[in-house]
């Protein structure tokens, strides 16, 4: 189980990075124009496709991980929960691959290097706010399923034959997720997209089709 103190530090870091997304040239982006005051004044698309690189700061297996993946978001409500402002609702899902290499296990009196790989399957509600002509932000509460497997270096066989090792990735489970998203829209079809939250941080490009 995650410690509350660890969650608090990660949430504070997420909030700091997300706040930085609101600033352009030292001025809050929400003051750039009044796009937020015009419901429905945002790109009309059937699906958002977002390939990205990512950094996993949740310590699933002895350190931080790096990887790549993608998200698909389908808009379900063009005008969101607050009808007086420019917001929308979508359903987001995807697949992320993460590699962890900074771990070890003492086998036969020596420190044996090891590595592990994880697959994350996130599903979330995406609540979008179009705060300026070229900027949008979103909150994504949801869940993610994860499963892991060892690198092929012999350690997996050792652990499996000896009752498992500390931090063994060979399990499948589900955890809650929460992310904050910031986008810079180059035009109505392409944006630079950053997602920060639990369990990963990602930077990618979104295509609105």
N, C-alpha and C. Protein backbone atom coordinates (compact mmCIF):
# COMPACT_ATOMS: atom_id res chain seq x y z
N UNK A 1 0.85 -1.20 0.00
CA UNK A 1 0.00 0.00 0.00
C UNK A 1 0.88 1.24 0.00
N UNK A 2 0.48 2.26 -0.78
CA UNK A 2 1.27 3.49 -0.86
C UNK A 2 1.16 4.26 0.44
N UNK A 3 2.26 4.88 0.88
CA UNK A 3 2.25 5.70 2.06
C UNK A 3 1.68 7.07 1.72
N UNK A 4 0.91 7.64 2.65
CA UNK A 4 0.27 8.92 2.40
C UNK A 4 1.30 10.01 2.16
N UNK A 5 2.43 9.93 2.86
CA UNK A 5 3.45 10.96 2.67
C UNK A 5 3.99 10.93 1.26
N UNK A 6 4.21 9.72 0.71
CA UNK A 6 4.71 9.59 -0.65
C UNK A 6 3.72 10.15 -1.65
N UNK A 7 2.43 9.85 -1.44
CA UNK A 7 1.40 10.36 -2.32
C UNK A 7 1.36 11.88 -2.28
N UNK A 8 1.52 12.45 -1.07
CA UNK A 8 1.50 13.90 -0.92
C UNK A 8 2.61 14.57 -1.69
N UNK A 9 3.82 14.00 -1.63
CA UNK A 9 4.94 14.58 -2.36
C UNK A 9 4.70 14.53 -3.86
N UNK A 10 4.16 13.42 -4.33
CA UNK A 10 3.91 13.29 -5.76
C UNK A 10 2.80 14.23 -6.21
N UNK A 11 1.78 14.38 -5.38
CA UNK A 11 0.69 15.30 -5.74
C UNK A 11 1.20 16.74 -5.79
N UNK A 12 2.08 17.11 -4.85
CA UNK A 12 2.63 18.46 -4.85
C UNK A 12 3.46 18.71 -6.09
N UNK A 13 4.26 17.71 -6.49
CA UNK A 13 5.06 17.86 -7.70
C UNK A 13 4.17 17.99 -8.93
N UNK A 14 3.10 17.19 -8.97
CA UNK A 14 2.17 17.26 -10.10
C UNK A 14 1.52 18.63 -10.18
N UNK A 15 1.11 19.17 -9.04
CA UNK A 15 0.46 20.47 -9.02
C UNK A 15 1.42 21.57 -9.49
N UNK A 16 2.70 21.46 -9.10
CA UNK A 16 3.68 22.47 -9.50
C UNK A 16 3.87 22.47 -11.01
N UNK A 17 4.05 21.28 -11.60
CA UNK A 17 4.26 21.21 -13.04
C UNK A 17 3.02 21.67 -13.79
N UNK A 18 1.87 21.26 -13.29
CA UNK A 18 0.62 21.65 -13.95
C UNK A 18 0.42 23.16 -13.91
N UNK A 19 0.76 23.80 -12.80
CA UNK A 19 0.65 25.25 -12.70
C UNK A 19 1.57 25.94 -13.68
N UNK A 20 2.74 25.33 -13.91
CA UNK A 20 3.68 25.94 -14.86
C UNK A 20 3.13 25.95 -16.27
N UNK A 21 2.26 24.99 -16.58
CA UNK A 21 1.65 24.95 -17.91
C UNK A 21 0.74 26.15 -18.15
N UNK A 22 0.29 26.81 -17.08
CA UNK A 22 -0.63 27.93 -17.21
C UNK A 22 0.08 29.25 -17.50
N UNK A 23 1.38 29.23 -17.61
CA UNK A 23 2.11 30.47 -17.75
C UNK A 23 2.81 30.54 -19.10
N UNK A 24 2.63 31.61 -19.81
CA UNK A 24 3.29 31.84 -21.07
C UNK A 24 3.88 33.24 -21.02
N UNK A 25 5.20 33.31 -21.05
CA UNK A 25 5.84 34.60 -20.99
C UNK A 25 5.53 35.35 -19.72
N UNK A 26 5.30 34.61 -18.63
CA UNK A 26 5.07 35.24 -17.33
C UNK A 26 3.63 35.67 -17.11
N UNK A 27 2.72 35.40 -18.06
CA UNK A 27 1.33 35.80 -17.92
C UNK A 27 0.43 34.58 -17.90
N UNK A 28 -0.53 34.46 -16.99
CA UNK A 28 -1.43 33.31 -16.98
C UNK A 28 -2.15 33.18 -18.31
N UNK A 29 -2.18 31.94 -18.84
CA UNK A 29 -2.77 31.77 -20.16
C UNK A 29 -4.27 32.06 -20.15
N UNK A 30 -4.92 31.91 -19.02
CA UNK A 30 -6.36 32.15 -18.97
C UNK A 30 -6.70 33.61 -19.25
N UNK A 31 -5.68 34.53 -19.09
CA UNK A 31 -5.92 35.93 -19.35
C UNK A 31 -5.65 36.30 -20.81
N UNK A 32 -5.17 35.33 -21.61
CA UNK A 32 -4.78 35.65 -22.97
C UNK A 32 -5.98 36.02 -23.83
N UNK A 33 -7.11 35.35 -23.65
CA UNK A 33 -8.33 35.68 -24.39
C UNK A 33 -9.51 35.11 -23.61
N UNK A 34 -10.70 35.20 -24.19
CA UNK A 34 -11.90 34.76 -23.46
C UNK A 34 -12.48 33.47 -24.04
N UNK A 35 -11.63 32.61 -24.60
CA UNK A 35 -12.09 31.34 -25.16
C UNK A 35 -12.89 30.53 -24.15
N UNK A 36 -12.47 30.56 -22.90
CA UNK A 36 -13.13 29.78 -21.86
C UNK A 36 -14.60 30.18 -21.68
N UNK A 37 -14.94 31.38 -22.08
CA UNK A 37 -16.30 31.88 -21.89
C UNK A 37 -17.24 31.51 -23.03
N UNK A 38 -16.75 30.77 -24.03
CA UNK A 38 -17.56 30.44 -25.20
C UNK A 38 -17.76 28.93 -25.31
N UNK A 39 -18.83 28.40 -24.73
CA UNK A 39 -19.08 26.95 -24.79
C UNK A 39 -19.11 26.44 -26.23
N UNK A 40 -18.46 25.32 -26.48
CA UNK A 40 -18.46 24.71 -27.80
C UNK A 40 -17.40 25.24 -28.74
N UNK A 41 -16.64 26.27 -28.34
CA UNK A 41 -15.62 26.86 -29.20
C UNK A 41 -14.31 26.09 -29.05
N UNK A 42 -14.32 24.84 -29.52
CA UNK A 42 -13.13 24.00 -29.47
C UNK A 42 -13.16 23.01 -30.63
N UNK A 43 -12.04 22.36 -30.93
CA UNK A 43 -12.00 21.46 -32.08
C UNK A 43 -13.08 20.39 -32.04
N UNK A 44 -13.65 20.12 -33.21
CA UNK A 44 -14.67 19.08 -33.37
C UNK A 44 -13.98 17.85 -33.95
N UNK A 45 -13.89 16.78 -33.17
CA UNK A 45 -13.15 15.60 -33.61
C UNK A 45 -13.84 14.34 -33.12
N UNK A 46 -13.54 13.22 -33.78
CA UNK A 46 -14.13 11.93 -33.42
C UNK A 46 -13.24 11.15 -32.45
N UNK A 47 -11.91 11.35 -32.57
CA UNK A 47 -10.98 10.64 -31.70
C UNK A 47 -9.68 11.44 -31.59
N UNK A 48 -9.08 11.40 -30.42
CA UNK A 48 -7.76 11.98 -30.20
C UNK A 48 -6.76 10.83 -30.06
N UNK A 49 -5.71 10.86 -30.88
CA UNK A 49 -4.67 9.83 -30.84
C UNK A 49 -3.39 10.49 -30.34
N UNK A 50 -2.82 9.95 -29.27
CA UNK A 50 -1.69 10.60 -28.60
C UNK A 50 -0.54 9.62 -28.32
N UNK A 51 0.43 9.48 -29.24
CA UNK A 51 1.65 8.75 -28.91
C UNK A 51 2.54 9.59 -28.00
N UNK A 52 3.24 8.95 -27.06
CA UNK A 52 4.05 9.71 -26.12
C UNK A 52 5.21 8.89 -25.56
N UNK A 53 6.23 9.61 -25.09
CA UNK A 53 7.26 9.02 -24.26
C UNK A 53 6.91 9.28 -22.81
N UNK A 54 7.39 8.44 -21.89
CA UNK A 54 6.96 8.63 -20.50
C UNK A 54 8.04 8.28 -19.50
N UNK A 55 7.87 8.83 -18.30
CA UNK A 55 8.72 8.58 -17.14
C UNK A 55 7.80 8.10 -16.02
N UNK A 56 8.12 6.94 -15.45
CA UNK A 56 7.30 6.37 -14.37
C UNK A 56 7.99 6.62 -13.04
N UNK A 57 7.41 7.49 -12.24
CA UNK A 57 8.04 7.81 -10.97
C UNK A 57 7.51 6.97 -9.82
N UNK A 58 6.49 6.22 -10.02
CA UNK A 58 6.05 5.27 -9.00
C UNK A 58 7.03 4.10 -8.96
N UNK A 59 7.52 3.77 -7.76
CA UNK A 59 8.54 2.75 -7.58
C UNK A 59 7.91 1.36 -7.57
N UNK A 60 7.54 0.85 -8.74
CA UNK A 60 6.99 -0.50 -8.82
C UNK A 60 8.08 -1.54 -8.63
N UNK A 61 9.32 -1.20 -9.04
CA UNK A 61 10.35 -2.23 -9.07
C UNK A 61 11.74 -1.62 -8.91
N UNK A 62 12.06 -1.12 -7.73
CA UNK A 62 13.42 -0.75 -7.40
C UNK A 62 13.93 0.54 -8.00
N UNK A 63 13.09 1.42 -8.50
CA UNK A 63 13.58 2.67 -9.07
C UNK A 63 12.58 3.26 -10.03
N UNK A 64 13.01 4.27 -10.77
CA UNK A 64 12.17 4.91 -11.77
C UNK A 64 12.28 4.19 -13.10
N UNK A 65 11.24 4.32 -13.92
CA UNK A 65 11.23 3.65 -15.21
C UNK A 65 11.00 4.61 -16.36
N UNK A 66 11.37 4.16 -17.55
CA UNK A 66 11.17 4.94 -18.76
C UNK A 66 10.48 4.06 -19.80
N UNK A 67 9.74 4.70 -20.69
CA UNK A 67 9.07 3.90 -21.70
C UNK A 67 8.34 4.75 -22.71
N UNK A 68 7.37 4.14 -23.36
CA UNK A 68 6.59 4.80 -24.40
C UNK A 68 5.21 4.17 -24.44
N UNK A 69 4.29 4.87 -25.04
CA UNK A 69 2.94 4.34 -25.14
C UNK A 69 2.03 5.25 -25.93
N UNK A 70 0.77 5.10 -25.72
CA UNK A 70 -0.20 5.90 -26.46
C UNK A 70 -1.54 5.94 -25.76
N UNK A 71 -2.28 6.99 -26.04
CA UNK A 71 -3.63 7.17 -25.53
C UNK A 71 -4.59 7.41 -26.69
N UNK A 72 -5.82 6.95 -26.50
CA UNK A 72 -6.92 7.23 -27.42
C UNK A 72 -8.05 7.81 -26.59
N UNK A 73 -8.58 8.93 -27.02
CA UNK A 73 -9.68 9.56 -26.29
C UNK A 73 -10.84 9.81 -27.24
N UNK A 74 -12.01 9.35 -26.82
CA UNK A 74 -13.23 9.54 -27.61
C UNK A 74 -14.12 10.54 -26.90
N UNK A 75 -14.44 11.68 -27.54
CA UNK A 75 -15.33 12.66 -26.90
C UNK A 75 -16.74 12.11 -26.80
N UNK A 76 -17.36 12.28 -25.64
CA UNK A 76 -18.72 11.78 -25.44
C UNK A 76 -19.72 12.91 -25.15
N UNK A 77 -19.24 14.05 -24.62
CA UNK A 77 -20.10 15.20 -24.36
C UNK A 77 -19.37 16.45 -24.86
N UNK A 78 -19.91 17.08 -25.91
CA UNK A 78 -19.23 18.25 -26.50
C UNK A 78 -19.26 19.44 -25.55
N UNK A 79 -20.37 19.67 -24.88
CA UNK A 79 -20.46 20.71 -23.87
C UNK A 79 -20.57 20.01 -22.52
N UNK A 80 -19.57 20.23 -21.67
CA UNK A 80 -19.40 19.41 -20.47
C UNK A 80 -20.33 19.71 -19.33
N UNK A 81 -19.86 19.38 -18.11
CA UNK A 81 -20.69 19.46 -16.92
C UNK A 81 -21.05 20.90 -16.54
N UNK A 82 -20.28 21.88 -17.01
CA UNK A 82 -20.55 23.29 -16.70
C UNK A 82 -20.96 23.98 -18.00
N UNK A 83 -22.25 24.15 -18.26
CA UNK A 83 -22.70 24.64 -19.56
C UNK A 83 -22.31 26.08 -19.87
N UNK A 84 -21.91 26.85 -18.88
CA UNK A 84 -21.60 28.27 -19.12
C UNK A 84 -20.17 28.51 -19.57
N UNK A 85 -19.30 27.46 -19.55
CA UNK A 85 -17.92 27.64 -19.99
C UNK A 85 -17.57 26.61 -21.06
N UNK A 86 -16.39 26.78 -21.64
CA UNK A 86 -15.94 25.96 -22.75
C UNK A 86 -15.27 24.69 -22.23
N UNK A 87 -16.05 23.64 -22.06
CA UNK A 87 -15.52 22.38 -21.54
C UNK A 87 -16.16 21.20 -22.25
N UNK A 88 -15.51 20.05 -22.20
CA UNK A 88 -16.03 18.84 -22.83
C UNK A 88 -15.59 17.63 -22.04
N UNK A 89 -16.24 16.48 -22.32
CA UNK A 89 -15.97 15.24 -21.61
C UNK A 89 -15.61 14.15 -22.62
N UNK A 90 -14.59 13.36 -22.30
CA UNK A 90 -14.21 12.24 -23.13
C UNK A 90 -13.86 11.03 -22.29
N UNK A 91 -13.73 9.89 -22.96
CA UNK A 91 -13.27 8.66 -22.33
C UNK A 91 -11.91 8.33 -22.91
N UNK A 92 -10.90 8.21 -22.04
CA UNK A 92 -9.51 8.00 -22.47
C UNK A 92 -9.06 6.60 -22.07
N UNK A 93 -8.34 5.93 -22.97
CA UNK A 93 -7.79 4.61 -22.68
C UNK A 93 -6.51 4.43 -23.48
N UNK A 94 -5.67 3.48 -23.08
CA UNK A 94 -4.42 3.32 -23.81
C UNK A 94 -3.58 2.18 -23.30
N UNK A 95 -2.32 2.21 -23.72
CA UNK A 95 -1.34 1.19 -23.35
C UNK A 95 0.02 1.85 -23.21
N UNK A 96 0.72 1.60 -22.09
CA UNK A 96 2.06 2.10 -21.86
C UNK A 96 3.00 0.94 -21.53
N UNK A 97 4.23 1.02 -22.08
CA UNK A 97 5.28 0.05 -21.77
C UNK A 97 6.37 0.78 -20.99
N UNK A 98 6.77 0.24 -19.84
CA UNK A 98 7.78 0.86 -18.98
C UNK A 98 8.86 -0.15 -18.63
N UNK A 99 10.11 0.28 -18.75
CA UNK A 99 11.25 -0.57 -18.38
C UNK A 99 11.92 -0.03 -17.13
N UNK A 100 12.14 -0.91 -16.15
CA UNK A 100 12.86 -0.59 -14.92
C UNK A 100 14.19 -1.34 -14.92
N UNK A 101 15.30 -0.62 -14.66
CA UNK A 101 16.60 -1.28 -14.65
C UNK A 101 17.37 -1.06 -13.35
N UNK A 102 16.96 -0.13 -12.50
CA UNK A 102 17.72 0.22 -11.31
C UNK A 102 17.36 -0.62 -10.10
N UNK A 103 17.50 -1.93 -10.18
CA UNK A 103 17.13 -2.79 -9.06
C UNK A 103 18.18 -3.88 -8.88
N UNK A 104 18.12 -4.57 -7.75
CA UNK A 104 19.03 -5.68 -7.51
C UNK A 104 18.39 -6.64 -6.53
N UNK A 105 18.94 -7.82 -6.47
CA UNK A 105 18.51 -8.82 -5.50
C UNK A 105 19.73 -9.64 -5.08
N UNK A 106 19.91 -9.84 -3.78
CA UNK A 106 21.07 -10.59 -3.30
C UNK A 106 20.83 -12.08 -3.46
N UNK A 107 21.50 -12.63 -4.44
CA UNK A 107 21.37 -14.07 -4.69
C UNK A 107 22.70 -14.76 -4.41
N UNK A 108 22.68 -15.75 -3.57
CA UNK A 108 23.87 -16.53 -3.23
C UNK A 108 24.98 -15.63 -2.69
N UNK A 109 24.61 -14.58 -1.90
CA UNK A 109 25.60 -13.74 -1.27
C UNK A 109 26.16 -12.64 -2.14
N UNK A 110 25.70 -12.48 -3.37
CA UNK A 110 26.19 -11.42 -4.26
C UNK A 110 25.00 -10.60 -4.76
N UNK A 111 25.27 -9.35 -5.12
CA UNK A 111 24.22 -8.50 -5.67
C UNK A 111 24.07 -8.76 -7.16
N UNK A 112 22.94 -9.25 -7.53
CA UNK A 112 22.69 -9.59 -8.93
C UNK A 112 21.86 -8.49 -9.59
N UNK A 113 22.38 -7.91 -10.64
CA UNK A 113 21.63 -6.89 -11.36
C UNK A 113 20.41 -7.50 -12.02
N UNK A 114 19.38 -6.71 -12.16
CA UNK A 114 18.16 -7.25 -12.76
C UNK A 114 17.38 -6.12 -13.41
N UNK A 115 16.37 -6.49 -14.11
CA UNK A 115 15.49 -5.51 -14.74
C UNK A 115 14.11 -6.10 -14.90
N UNK A 116 13.15 -5.24 -15.12
CA UNK A 116 11.78 -5.72 -15.30
C UNK A 116 11.03 -4.77 -16.23
N UNK A 117 10.00 -5.28 -16.84
CA UNK A 117 9.16 -4.51 -17.74
C UNK A 117 7.72 -4.57 -17.27
N UNK A 118 7.02 -3.47 -17.47
CA UNK A 118 5.62 -3.41 -17.06
C UNK A 118 4.76 -2.93 -18.22
N UNK A 119 3.54 -3.42 -18.24
CA UNK A 119 2.51 -2.91 -19.14
C UNK A 119 1.43 -2.26 -18.29
N UNK A 120 1.07 -1.03 -18.62
CA UNK A 120 -0.02 -0.31 -17.96
C UNK A 120 -1.16 -0.15 -18.96
N UNK A 121 -2.38 -0.39 -18.47
CA UNK A 121 -3.58 -0.23 -19.30
C UNK A 121 -4.50 0.78 -18.60
N UNK A 122 -4.35 2.08 -18.89
CA UNK A 122 -5.16 3.10 -18.21
C UNK A 122 -6.52 3.29 -18.87
N UNK A 123 -7.51 3.59 -18.04
CA UNK A 123 -8.84 3.99 -18.49
C UNK A 123 -9.28 5.15 -17.60
N UNK A 124 -9.72 6.25 -18.21
CA UNK A 124 -10.04 7.43 -17.40
C UNK A 124 -11.13 8.27 -18.06
N UNK A 125 -11.80 9.07 -17.25
CA UNK A 125 -12.65 10.14 -17.75
C UNK A 125 -11.76 11.35 -17.98
N UNK A 126 -11.89 12.00 -19.13
CA UNK A 126 -11.11 13.19 -19.45
C UNK A 126 -12.04 14.41 -19.50
N UNK A 127 -11.83 15.32 -18.55
CA UNK A 127 -12.64 16.55 -18.48
C UNK A 127 -11.78 17.70 -18.99
N UNK A 128 -12.10 18.20 -20.17
CA UNK A 128 -11.32 19.22 -20.84
C UNK A 128 -11.85 20.62 -20.58
N UNK A 129 -10.91 21.58 -20.43
CA UNK A 129 -11.24 22.99 -20.31
C UNK A 129 -10.41 23.76 -21.34
N UNK A 130 -11.08 24.46 -22.24
CA UNK A 130 -10.39 25.21 -23.30
C UNK A 130 -10.22 26.64 -22.81
N UNK A 131 -9.05 26.89 -22.21
CA UNK A 131 -8.85 28.13 -21.46
C UNK A 131 -8.37 29.28 -22.33
N UNK A 132 -7.84 29.01 -23.50
CA UNK A 132 -7.37 30.05 -24.41
C UNK A 132 -7.37 29.50 -25.83
N UNK A 133 -7.09 30.36 -26.79
CA UNK A 133 -7.17 29.95 -28.19
C UNK A 133 -6.28 28.75 -28.48
N UNK A 134 -5.09 28.73 -27.91
CA UNK A 134 -4.14 27.65 -28.20
C UNK A 134 -3.87 26.74 -27.01
N UNK A 135 -4.57 26.93 -25.91
CA UNK A 135 -4.30 26.15 -24.71
C UNK A 135 -5.56 25.47 -24.19
N UNK A 136 -5.39 24.21 -23.80
CA UNK A 136 -6.45 23.51 -23.09
C UNK A 136 -5.81 22.69 -21.96
N UNK A 137 -6.58 22.46 -20.92
CA UNK A 137 -6.14 21.63 -19.80
C UNK A 137 -7.22 20.61 -19.53
N UNK A 138 -6.85 19.54 -18.82
CA UNK A 138 -7.82 18.49 -18.53
C UNK A 138 -7.45 17.77 -17.24
N UNK A 139 -8.46 17.23 -16.58
CA UNK A 139 -8.27 16.33 -15.46
C UNK A 139 -8.69 14.93 -15.86
N UNK A 140 -7.95 13.92 -15.40
CA UNK A 140 -8.24 12.54 -15.79
C UNK A 140 -8.26 11.61 -14.57
N UNK A 141 -9.38 11.51 -13.88
CA UNK A 141 -9.49 10.47 -12.85
C UNK A 141 -9.83 9.13 -13.49
N UNK A 142 -9.25 8.06 -12.97
CA UNK A 142 -9.55 6.76 -13.56
C UNK A 142 -8.87 5.62 -12.84
N UNK A 143 -8.63 4.55 -13.58
CA UNK A 143 -7.99 3.33 -13.08
C UNK A 143 -6.95 2.88 -14.08
N UNK A 144 -6.00 2.07 -13.61
CA UNK A 144 -5.11 1.41 -14.55
C UNK A 144 -4.81 0.00 -14.07
N UNK A 145 -4.82 -0.91 -15.01
CA UNK A 145 -4.42 -2.28 -14.77
C UNK A 145 -2.95 -2.41 -15.14
N UNK A 146 -2.17 -3.13 -14.34
CA UNK A 146 -0.76 -3.30 -14.68
C UNK A 146 -0.35 -4.75 -14.50
N UNK A 147 0.65 -5.14 -15.28
CA UNK A 147 1.25 -6.46 -15.16
C UNK A 147 2.72 -6.33 -15.52
N UNK A 148 3.57 -7.20 -14.94
CA UNK A 148 5.01 -7.08 -15.17
C UNK A 148 5.66 -8.42 -15.45
N UNK A 149 6.87 -8.36 -15.98
CA UNK A 149 7.63 -9.57 -16.26
C UNK A 149 9.12 -9.23 -16.23
N UNK A 150 9.96 -10.22 -15.88
CA UNK A 150 11.39 -10.02 -15.75
C UNK A 150 12.06 -9.90 -17.12
N UNK A 151 13.22 -9.21 -17.13
CA UNK A 151 14.12 -9.33 -18.27
C UNK A 151 14.65 -10.76 -18.30
N UNK A 152 15.10 -11.19 -19.46
CA UNK A 152 15.62 -12.55 -19.60
C UNK A 152 17.09 -12.60 -19.19
N UNK A 153 17.35 -12.57 -17.87
CA UNK A 153 18.74 -12.62 -17.39
C UNK A 153 18.95 -13.71 -16.33
N UNK A 154 18.00 -14.62 -16.22
CA UNK A 154 18.15 -15.71 -15.26
C UNK A 154 17.59 -15.42 -13.89
N UNK A 155 17.41 -14.13 -13.56
CA UNK A 155 16.92 -13.80 -12.22
C UNK A 155 15.46 -14.23 -12.05
N UNK A 156 14.69 -14.15 -13.12
CA UNK A 156 13.30 -14.56 -13.04
C UNK A 156 13.17 -16.02 -12.63
N UNK A 157 14.01 -16.88 -13.23
CA UNK A 157 13.97 -18.30 -12.87
C UNK A 157 14.37 -18.49 -11.41
N UNK A 158 15.41 -17.74 -10.98
CA UNK A 158 15.86 -17.87 -9.59
C UNK A 158 14.73 -17.49 -8.63
N UNK A 159 14.08 -16.34 -8.87
CA UNK A 159 13.03 -15.89 -7.98
C UNK A 159 11.83 -16.82 -8.00
N UNK A 160 11.44 -17.24 -9.19
CA UNK A 160 10.27 -18.11 -9.29
C UNK A 160 10.50 -19.46 -8.63
N UNK A 161 11.76 -19.93 -8.62
CA UNK A 161 12.07 -21.23 -8.02
C UNK A 161 12.37 -21.15 -6.53
N UNK A 162 12.42 -19.94 -5.98
CA UNK A 162 12.75 -19.77 -4.58
C UNK A 162 11.71 -18.93 -3.83
N UNK A 163 10.48 -19.08 -4.25
CA UNK A 163 9.39 -18.44 -3.53
C UNK A 163 9.20 -16.96 -3.81
N UNK A 164 9.80 -16.46 -4.89
CA UNK A 164 9.63 -15.06 -5.25
C UNK A 164 10.70 -14.17 -4.65
N UNK A 165 10.87 -12.98 -5.22
CA UNK A 165 11.84 -11.99 -4.75
C UNK A 165 11.11 -10.71 -4.36
N UNK A 166 11.75 -9.93 -3.50
CA UNK A 166 11.17 -8.65 -3.11
C UNK A 166 10.98 -7.78 -4.34
N UNK A 167 9.79 -7.23 -4.49
CA UNK A 167 9.51 -6.38 -5.65
C UNK A 167 9.22 -7.17 -6.91
N UNK A 168 8.86 -8.44 -6.76
CA UNK A 168 8.61 -9.27 -7.93
C UNK A 168 7.53 -8.65 -8.83
N UNK A 169 7.82 -8.50 -10.12
CA UNK A 169 6.83 -7.87 -11.00
C UNK A 169 5.79 -8.83 -11.55
N UNK A 170 5.96 -10.12 -11.31
CA UNK A 170 5.09 -11.10 -11.96
C UNK A 170 3.74 -11.16 -11.25
N UNK A 171 3.04 -10.07 -11.32
CA UNK A 171 1.70 -9.99 -10.74
C UNK A 171 0.87 -9.05 -11.59
N UNK A 172 -0.43 -9.18 -11.48
CA UNK A 172 -1.36 -8.30 -12.18
C UNK A 172 -2.30 -7.70 -11.16
N UNK A 173 -2.52 -6.39 -11.24
CA UNK A 173 -3.37 -5.73 -10.27
C UNK A 173 -3.96 -4.46 -10.88
N UNK A 174 -4.84 -3.81 -10.12
CA UNK A 174 -5.50 -2.58 -10.56
C UNK A 174 -5.31 -1.52 -9.49
N UNK A 175 -5.02 -0.29 -9.89
CA UNK A 175 -4.88 0.83 -8.96
C UNK A 175 -5.62 2.04 -9.52
N UNK A 176 -5.97 2.98 -8.64
CA UNK A 176 -6.56 4.24 -9.12
C UNK A 176 -5.49 5.12 -9.74
N UNK A 177 -5.89 5.98 -10.66
CA UNK A 177 -4.97 6.92 -11.30
C UNK A 177 -5.58 8.31 -11.28
N UNK A 178 -4.71 9.31 -11.36
CA UNK A 178 -5.16 10.70 -11.45
C UNK A 178 -4.09 11.49 -12.18
N UNK A 179 -4.46 12.14 -13.27
CA UNK A 179 -3.52 12.92 -14.07
C UNK A 179 -4.09 14.28 -14.41
N UNK A 180 -3.19 15.23 -14.62
CA UNK A 180 -3.52 16.55 -15.13
C UNK A 180 -2.84 16.70 -16.48
N UNK A 181 -3.57 17.23 -17.44
CA UNK A 181 -3.10 17.32 -18.82
C UNK A 181 -3.06 18.78 -19.26
N UNK A 182 -1.98 19.14 -19.95
CA UNK A 182 -1.88 20.46 -20.56
C UNK A 182 -1.55 20.31 -22.03
N UNK A 183 -2.22 21.05 -22.89
CA UNK A 183 -1.97 20.97 -24.33
C UNK A 183 -1.70 22.36 -24.90
N UNK A 184 -0.72 22.43 -25.80
CA UNK A 184 -0.54 23.62 -26.63
C UNK A 184 -0.98 23.23 -28.04
N UNK A 185 -2.03 23.87 -28.55
CA UNK A 185 -2.61 23.52 -29.85
C UNK A 185 -1.93 24.32 -30.96
N UNK A 186 -1.20 23.61 -31.81
CA UNK A 186 -0.61 24.26 -32.98
C UNK A 186 -1.69 24.70 -33.95
N UNK A 187 -2.71 23.86 -34.06
CA UNK A 187 -3.90 24.16 -34.86
C UNK A 187 -5.01 23.26 -34.34
N UNK A 188 -6.11 23.15 -35.05
CA UNK A 188 -7.24 22.35 -34.57
C UNK A 188 -7.00 20.85 -34.69
N UNK A 189 -5.92 20.44 -35.35
CA UNK A 189 -5.66 19.03 -35.58
C UNK A 189 -4.48 18.46 -34.81
N UNK A 190 -3.56 19.31 -34.33
CA UNK A 190 -2.34 18.83 -33.69
C UNK A 190 -2.03 19.66 -32.45
N UNK A 191 -1.62 18.99 -31.38
CA UNK A 191 -1.19 19.70 -30.17
C UNK A 191 0.00 19.00 -29.54
N UNK A 192 0.81 19.77 -28.81
CA UNK A 192 1.83 19.22 -27.92
C UNK A 192 1.13 18.93 -26.60
N UNK A 193 1.27 17.72 -26.08
CA UNK A 193 0.49 17.30 -24.92
C UNK A 193 1.41 16.79 -23.81
N UNK A 194 1.19 17.31 -22.59
CA UNK A 194 1.94 16.86 -21.42
C UNK A 194 0.95 16.36 -20.38
N UNK A 195 1.26 15.19 -19.81
CA UNK A 195 0.40 14.60 -18.78
C UNK A 195 1.26 14.34 -17.55
N UNK A 196 0.81 14.81 -16.40
CA UNK A 196 1.57 14.58 -15.17
C UNK A 196 0.61 14.09 -14.09
N UNK A 197 1.04 13.06 -13.37
CA UNK A 197 0.16 12.51 -12.34
C UNK A 197 0.68 11.18 -11.85
N UNK A 198 -0.23 10.34 -11.40
CA UNK A 198 0.11 9.01 -10.91
C UNK A 198 -0.46 7.96 -11.85
N UNK A 199 0.37 7.04 -12.41
CA UNK A 199 1.73 6.70 -11.98
C UNK A 199 2.83 7.24 -12.90
N UNK A 200 2.51 8.03 -13.93
CA UNK A 200 3.53 8.42 -14.90
C UNK A 200 3.43 9.89 -15.27
N UNK A 201 4.51 10.37 -15.88
CA UNK A 201 4.55 11.67 -16.55
C UNK A 201 4.86 11.39 -18.01
N UNK A 202 4.15 12.06 -18.91
CA UNK A 202 4.39 11.80 -20.33
C UNK A 202 4.37 13.09 -21.14
N UNK A 203 5.08 13.06 -22.26
CA UNK A 203 5.09 14.16 -23.22
C UNK A 203 4.89 13.55 -24.59
N UNK A 204 3.94 14.08 -25.35
CA UNK A 204 3.67 13.52 -26.66
C UNK A 204 2.99 14.52 -27.57
N UNK A 205 2.46 14.01 -28.66
CA UNK A 205 1.76 14.82 -29.66
C UNK A 205 0.37 14.23 -29.85
N UNK A 206 -0.65 15.07 -29.81
CA UNK A 206 -2.03 14.62 -30.03
C UNK A 206 -2.48 14.98 -31.43
N UNK A 207 -3.17 14.04 -32.06
CA UNK A 207 -3.77 14.24 -33.37
C UNK A 207 -5.28 14.12 -33.20
N UNK A 208 -6.01 15.16 -33.61
CA UNK A 208 -7.46 15.19 -33.46
C UNK A 208 -8.09 14.89 -34.82
N UNK A 209 -8.71 13.74 -34.92
CA UNK A 209 -9.23 13.26 -36.20
C UNK A 209 -10.75 13.21 -36.22
